[in-house]
């Protein structure tokens, strides 16, 4: 897998672009500078891998804009060795970023093609975590509670099961809205009965589960 000086230089330019767009967490930016995003993309998009753009991957899904990935990760405030649940493995790029931050990652994907592809691909780059094939709305009860939860696809509502699986003091980041546009929601679990929600900017994600009802 080729990762040359040109790729590394392009990553540094991407880091500066993200910094100029408001990403301030140096650990997140450092992690992005290390991840070979071009290897996560179809060959047709290799020349554009370090632009701040989303691109299609398998199963009708996308790899998010680097800014979106960095923004969600910055909101999480990930610390080394924390248990992080990622809902929507996708290409594995966000997973790799969490692993670069030394998190203990549990990632779940409902598209079998993506699940199998990414489970095989990430270890080849040296990224190891717990992979699960299943319904992200239900989370992973057997491994809860989690310090942090990140949802990488648009949801029509905040799944109650995920909130229950968040540790007191934990944070969850999830885009919530319709199929075309969502608001980024930052959830902080103050206590079992005190859930704080902050509504942040507009984003556009592929749906977590089409036609899912609450």
Protein backbone atom coordinates (compact mmCIF):
# COMPACT_ATOMS: atom_id res chain seq x y z
CA UNK A 1 0.00 0.00 0.00
CA UNK A 2 1.70 3.14 -1.25
CA UNK A 3 1.92 6.14 1.06
CA UNK A 4 4.63 8.42 -0.28
CA UNK A 5 6.04 11.87 0.51
CA UNK A 6 3.51 13.48 -1.83
CA UNK A 7 0.62 11.96 0.10
CA UNK A 8 2.17 13.05 3.39
CA UNK A 9 2.58 16.59 2.09
CA UNK A 10 -1.02 16.69 0.93
CA UNK A 11 -2.12 15.58 4.41
CA UNK A 12 -0.24 18.47 5.97
CA UNK A 13 -2.03 20.85 3.62
CA UNK A 14 -5.33 19.25 4.63
CA UNK A 15 -4.46 19.75 8.31
CA UNK A 16 -3.83 23.46 7.71
CA UNK A 17 -7.12 23.73 5.82
CA UNK A 18 -8.97 22.14 8.74
CA UNK A 19 -7.19 24.40 11.21
CA UNK A 20 -8.25 27.43 9.18
CA UNK A 21 -11.85 26.14 9.22
CA UNK A 22 -11.82 26.11 13.02
CA UNK A 23 -10.54 22.70 14.11
CA UNK A 24 -8.31 23.53 17.08
CA UNK A 25 -7.57 20.19 18.76
CA UNK A 26 -3.91 19.47 17.99
CA UNK A 27 -4.25 15.76 18.77
CA UNK A 28 -7.08 15.41 16.25
CA UNK A 29 -5.10 17.31 13.61
CA UNK A 30 -1.98 15.26 14.30
CA UNK A 31 -3.97 12.06 13.90
CA UNK A 32 -5.38 13.24 10.56
CA UNK A 33 -1.84 13.99 9.39
CA UNK A 34 -0.98 10.31 9.94
CA UNK A 35 -3.94 8.55 8.27
CA UNK A 36 -3.53 7.70 4.54
CA UNK A 37 -7.02 8.75 3.45
CA UNK A 38 -6.24 7.92 -0.19
CA UNK A 39 -6.15 4.24 0.74
CA UNK A 40 -9.76 4.42 1.97
CA UNK A 41 -11.08 5.59 -1.41
CA UNK A 42 -11.87 4.01 -4.74
CA UNK A 43 -9.02 4.44 -7.23
CA UNK A 44 -11.14 6.84 -9.29
CA UNK A 45 -10.92 9.41 -6.47
CA UNK A 46 -7.26 9.02 -5.50
CA UNK A 47 -6.23 12.41 -6.90
CA UNK A 48 -8.84 14.13 -4.73
CA UNK A 49 -8.31 12.21 -1.49
CA UNK A 50 -6.95 15.16 0.48
CA UNK A 51 -9.57 17.68 -0.56
CA UNK A 52 -12.25 18.49 2.00
CA UNK A 53 -14.89 16.52 0.13
CA UNK A 54 -17.06 13.46 0.66
CA UNK A 55 -16.83 10.56 -1.80
CA UNK A 56 -18.96 7.48 -2.49
CA UNK A 57 -17.83 4.13 -1.14
CA UNK A 58 -19.54 0.73 -1.29
CA UNK A 59 -23.20 -0.03 -0.48
CA UNK A 60 -24.46 3.45 -1.38
CA UNK A 61 -22.56 5.04 1.51
CA UNK A 62 -19.96 7.82 1.62
CA UNK A 63 -16.70 8.71 3.31
CA UNK A 64 -17.42 12.00 5.06
CA UNK A 65 -15.67 15.33 4.54
CA UNK A 66 -12.45 15.44 6.59
CA UNK A 67 -13.84 18.55 8.29
CA UNK A 68 -16.94 16.65 9.41
CA UNK A 69 -14.83 13.77 10.75
CA UNK A 70 -12.53 16.18 12.59
CA UNK A 71 -15.46 18.23 13.93
CA UNK A 72 -17.30 15.24 15.38
CA UNK A 73 -14.10 13.88 16.87
CA UNK A 74 -13.18 17.21 18.44
CA UNK A 75 -16.62 17.41 20.06
CA UNK A 76 -16.14 13.96 21.60
CA UNK A 77 -12.99 15.02 23.53
CA UNK A 78 -11.56 11.51 23.29
CA UNK A 79 -8.96 10.54 25.88
CA UNK A 80 -6.55 7.58 25.66
CA UNK A 81 -8.01 4.18 26.63
CA UNK A 82 -11.62 5.41 26.71
CA UNK A 83 -14.27 3.02 25.42
CA UNK A 84 -15.80 4.54 22.29
CA UNK A 85 -18.80 3.16 20.41
CA UNK A 86 -18.85 4.12 16.74
CA UNK A 87 -22.21 3.62 15.02
CA UNK A 88 -21.54 3.32 11.30
CA UNK A 89 -18.11 1.89 10.50
CA UNK A 90 -18.32 2.89 6.84
CA UNK A 91 -14.93 3.10 5.17
CA UNK A 92 -13.15 2.92 8.52
CA UNK A 93 -11.57 6.38 8.23
CA UNK A 94 -13.33 7.71 11.34
CA UNK A 95 -12.46 4.46 13.11
CA UNK A 96 -8.80 4.97 12.28
CA UNK A 97 -8.91 8.49 13.69
CA UNK A 98 -10.35 7.24 16.99
CA UNK A 99 -7.67 4.57 17.14
CA UNK A 100 -4.94 7.14 16.48
CA UNK A 101 -6.27 8.92 19.59
CA UNK A 102 -5.64 5.68 21.52
CA UNK A 103 -9.31 4.95 22.17
CA UNK A 104 -10.65 1.43 22.69
CA UNK A 105 -13.04 1.31 19.75
CA UNK A 106 -16.19 -0.79 19.28
CA UNK A 107 -17.60 -0.17 15.82
CA UNK A 108 -20.87 -1.42 14.35
CA UNK A 109 -21.99 -1.46 10.71
CA UNK A 110 -25.32 -2.59 9.22
CA UNK A 111 -24.16 -2.86 5.58
CA UNK A 112 -22.65 -6.34 5.32
CA UNK A 113 -20.49 -5.46 2.32
CA UNK A 114 -18.90 -2.57 4.19
CA UNK A 115 -18.58 -4.53 7.42
CA UNK A 116 -16.65 -7.32 5.71
CA UNK A 117 -14.51 -4.99 3.62
CA UNK A 118 -13.48 -2.68 6.46
CA UNK A 119 -12.96 -5.49 8.97
CA UNK A 120 -10.43 -6.96 6.54
CA UNK A 121 -8.86 -3.64 5.45
CA UNK A 122 -8.16 -1.74 8.68
CA UNK A 123 -5.87 -4.35 10.26
CA UNK A 124 -3.71 -4.21 7.10
CA UNK A 125 -2.98 -0.59 8.02
CA UNK A 126 -2.24 -1.54 11.62
CA UNK A 127 -5.61 -0.46 13.03
CA UNK A 128 -7.25 -2.97 15.36
CA UNK A 129 -10.61 -2.72 17.14
CA UNK A 130 -13.80 -4.67 17.81
CA UNK A 131 -15.98 -4.98 14.68
CA UNK A 132 -19.69 -5.81 14.80
CA UNK A 133 -22.31 -6.38 12.12
CA UNK A 134 -25.73 -5.21 13.26
CA UNK A 135 -28.27 -2.48 13.96
CA UNK A 136 -26.59 0.68 15.19
CA UNK A 137 -29.83 1.91 16.75
CA UNK A 138 -29.50 -0.85 19.35
CA UNK A 139 -25.84 -0.19 20.13
CA UNK A 140 -23.87 -2.90 21.92
CA UNK A 141 -25.53 -3.59 25.26
CA UNK A 142 -23.08 -6.34 26.22
CA UNK A 143 -20.14 -3.92 26.10
CA UNK A 144 -21.80 -0.87 27.66
CA UNK A 145 -21.36 1.57 29.23
CA UNK A 146 -19.23 3.64 26.85
CA UNK A 147 -17.27 6.78 27.65
CA UNK A 148 -18.08 8.24 24.25
CA UNK A 149 -20.48 7.42 21.40
CA UNK A 150 -20.20 8.76 17.86
CA UNK A 151 -22.87 8.26 15.19
CA UNK A 152 -21.61 8.75 11.64
CA UNK A 153 -24.92 8.66 9.77
CA UNK A 154 -28.03 10.85 9.90
CA UNK A 155 -30.72 9.74 12.35
CA UNK A 156 -34.35 10.96 12.49
CA UNK A 157 -34.15 10.97 16.32
CA UNK A 158 -31.72 10.21 19.13
CA UNK A 159 -31.94 6.45 19.82
CA UNK A 160 -32.81 5.90 23.47
CA UNK A 161 -30.77 2.68 23.58
CA UNK A 162 -27.62 4.63 22.77
CA UNK A 163 -28.28 7.19 25.50
CA UNK A 164 -28.73 4.36 28.01
CA UNK A 165 -25.39 2.87 26.98
CA UNK A 166 -23.54 6.15 27.57
CA UNK A 167 -21.62 6.39 30.84
CA UNK A 168 -22.51 9.16 33.27
CA UNK A 169 -20.14 11.98 32.39
CA UNK A 170 -19.90 10.68 28.81
CA UNK A 171 -20.50 12.48 25.53
CA UNK A 172 -22.36 11.45 22.38
CA UNK A 173 -22.24 13.17 19.00
CA UNK A 174 -25.02 12.43 16.52
CA UNK A 175 -26.45 14.15 13.42
CA UNK A 176 -30.25 14.31 13.72
CA UNK A 177 -32.74 15.40 11.05
CA UNK A 178 -34.35 14.39 7.76
CA UNK A 179 -32.76 12.65 4.78
CA UNK A 180 -31.27 15.83 3.32
CA UNK A 181 -29.99 17.82 6.28
CA UNK A 182 -29.27 17.22 9.94
CA UNK A 183 -28.25 19.22 12.98
CA UNK A 184 -25.23 18.01 14.88
CA UNK A 185 -26.28 17.20 18.43
CA UNK A 186 -23.85 16.99 21.33
CA UNK A 187 -25.27 15.01 24.24
CA UNK A 188 -23.67 15.10 27.68
CA UNK A 189 -24.92 12.65 30.30
CA UNK A 190 -24.80 14.59 33.57
CA UNK A 191 -26.56 11.81 35.48
CA UNK A 192 -28.87 8.94 34.64
CA UNK A 193 -31.79 11.38 34.66
CA UNK A 194 -30.06 14.56 33.47
CA UNK A 195 -29.25 14.56 29.75
CA UNK A 196 -27.94 17.81 28.27
CA UNK A 197 -28.31 18.42 24.53
CA UNK A 198 -26.59 21.13 22.50
CA UNK A 199 -27.76 21.75 18.95
CA UNK A 200 -24.87 22.74 16.69
CA UNK A 201 -24.39 23.32 12.94
CA UNK A 202 -26.02 21.89 9.83
CA UNK A 203 -24.56 18.80 8.17
CA UNK A 204 -25.58 16.27 5.55
CA UNK A 205 -25.09 12.54 6.17
CA UNK A 206 -26.44 9.39 4.55
CA UNK A 207 -29.29 7.96 6.67
CA UNK A 208 -28.52 5.68 9.61
CA UNK A 209 -31.49 3.46 8.77
CA UNK A 210 -34.04 4.40 6.10
CA UNK A 211 -37.69 4.47 7.21
CA UNK A 212 -36.82 3.66 10.80
CA UNK A 213 -39.52 4.64 13.28
CA UNK A 214 -39.00 5.53 16.94
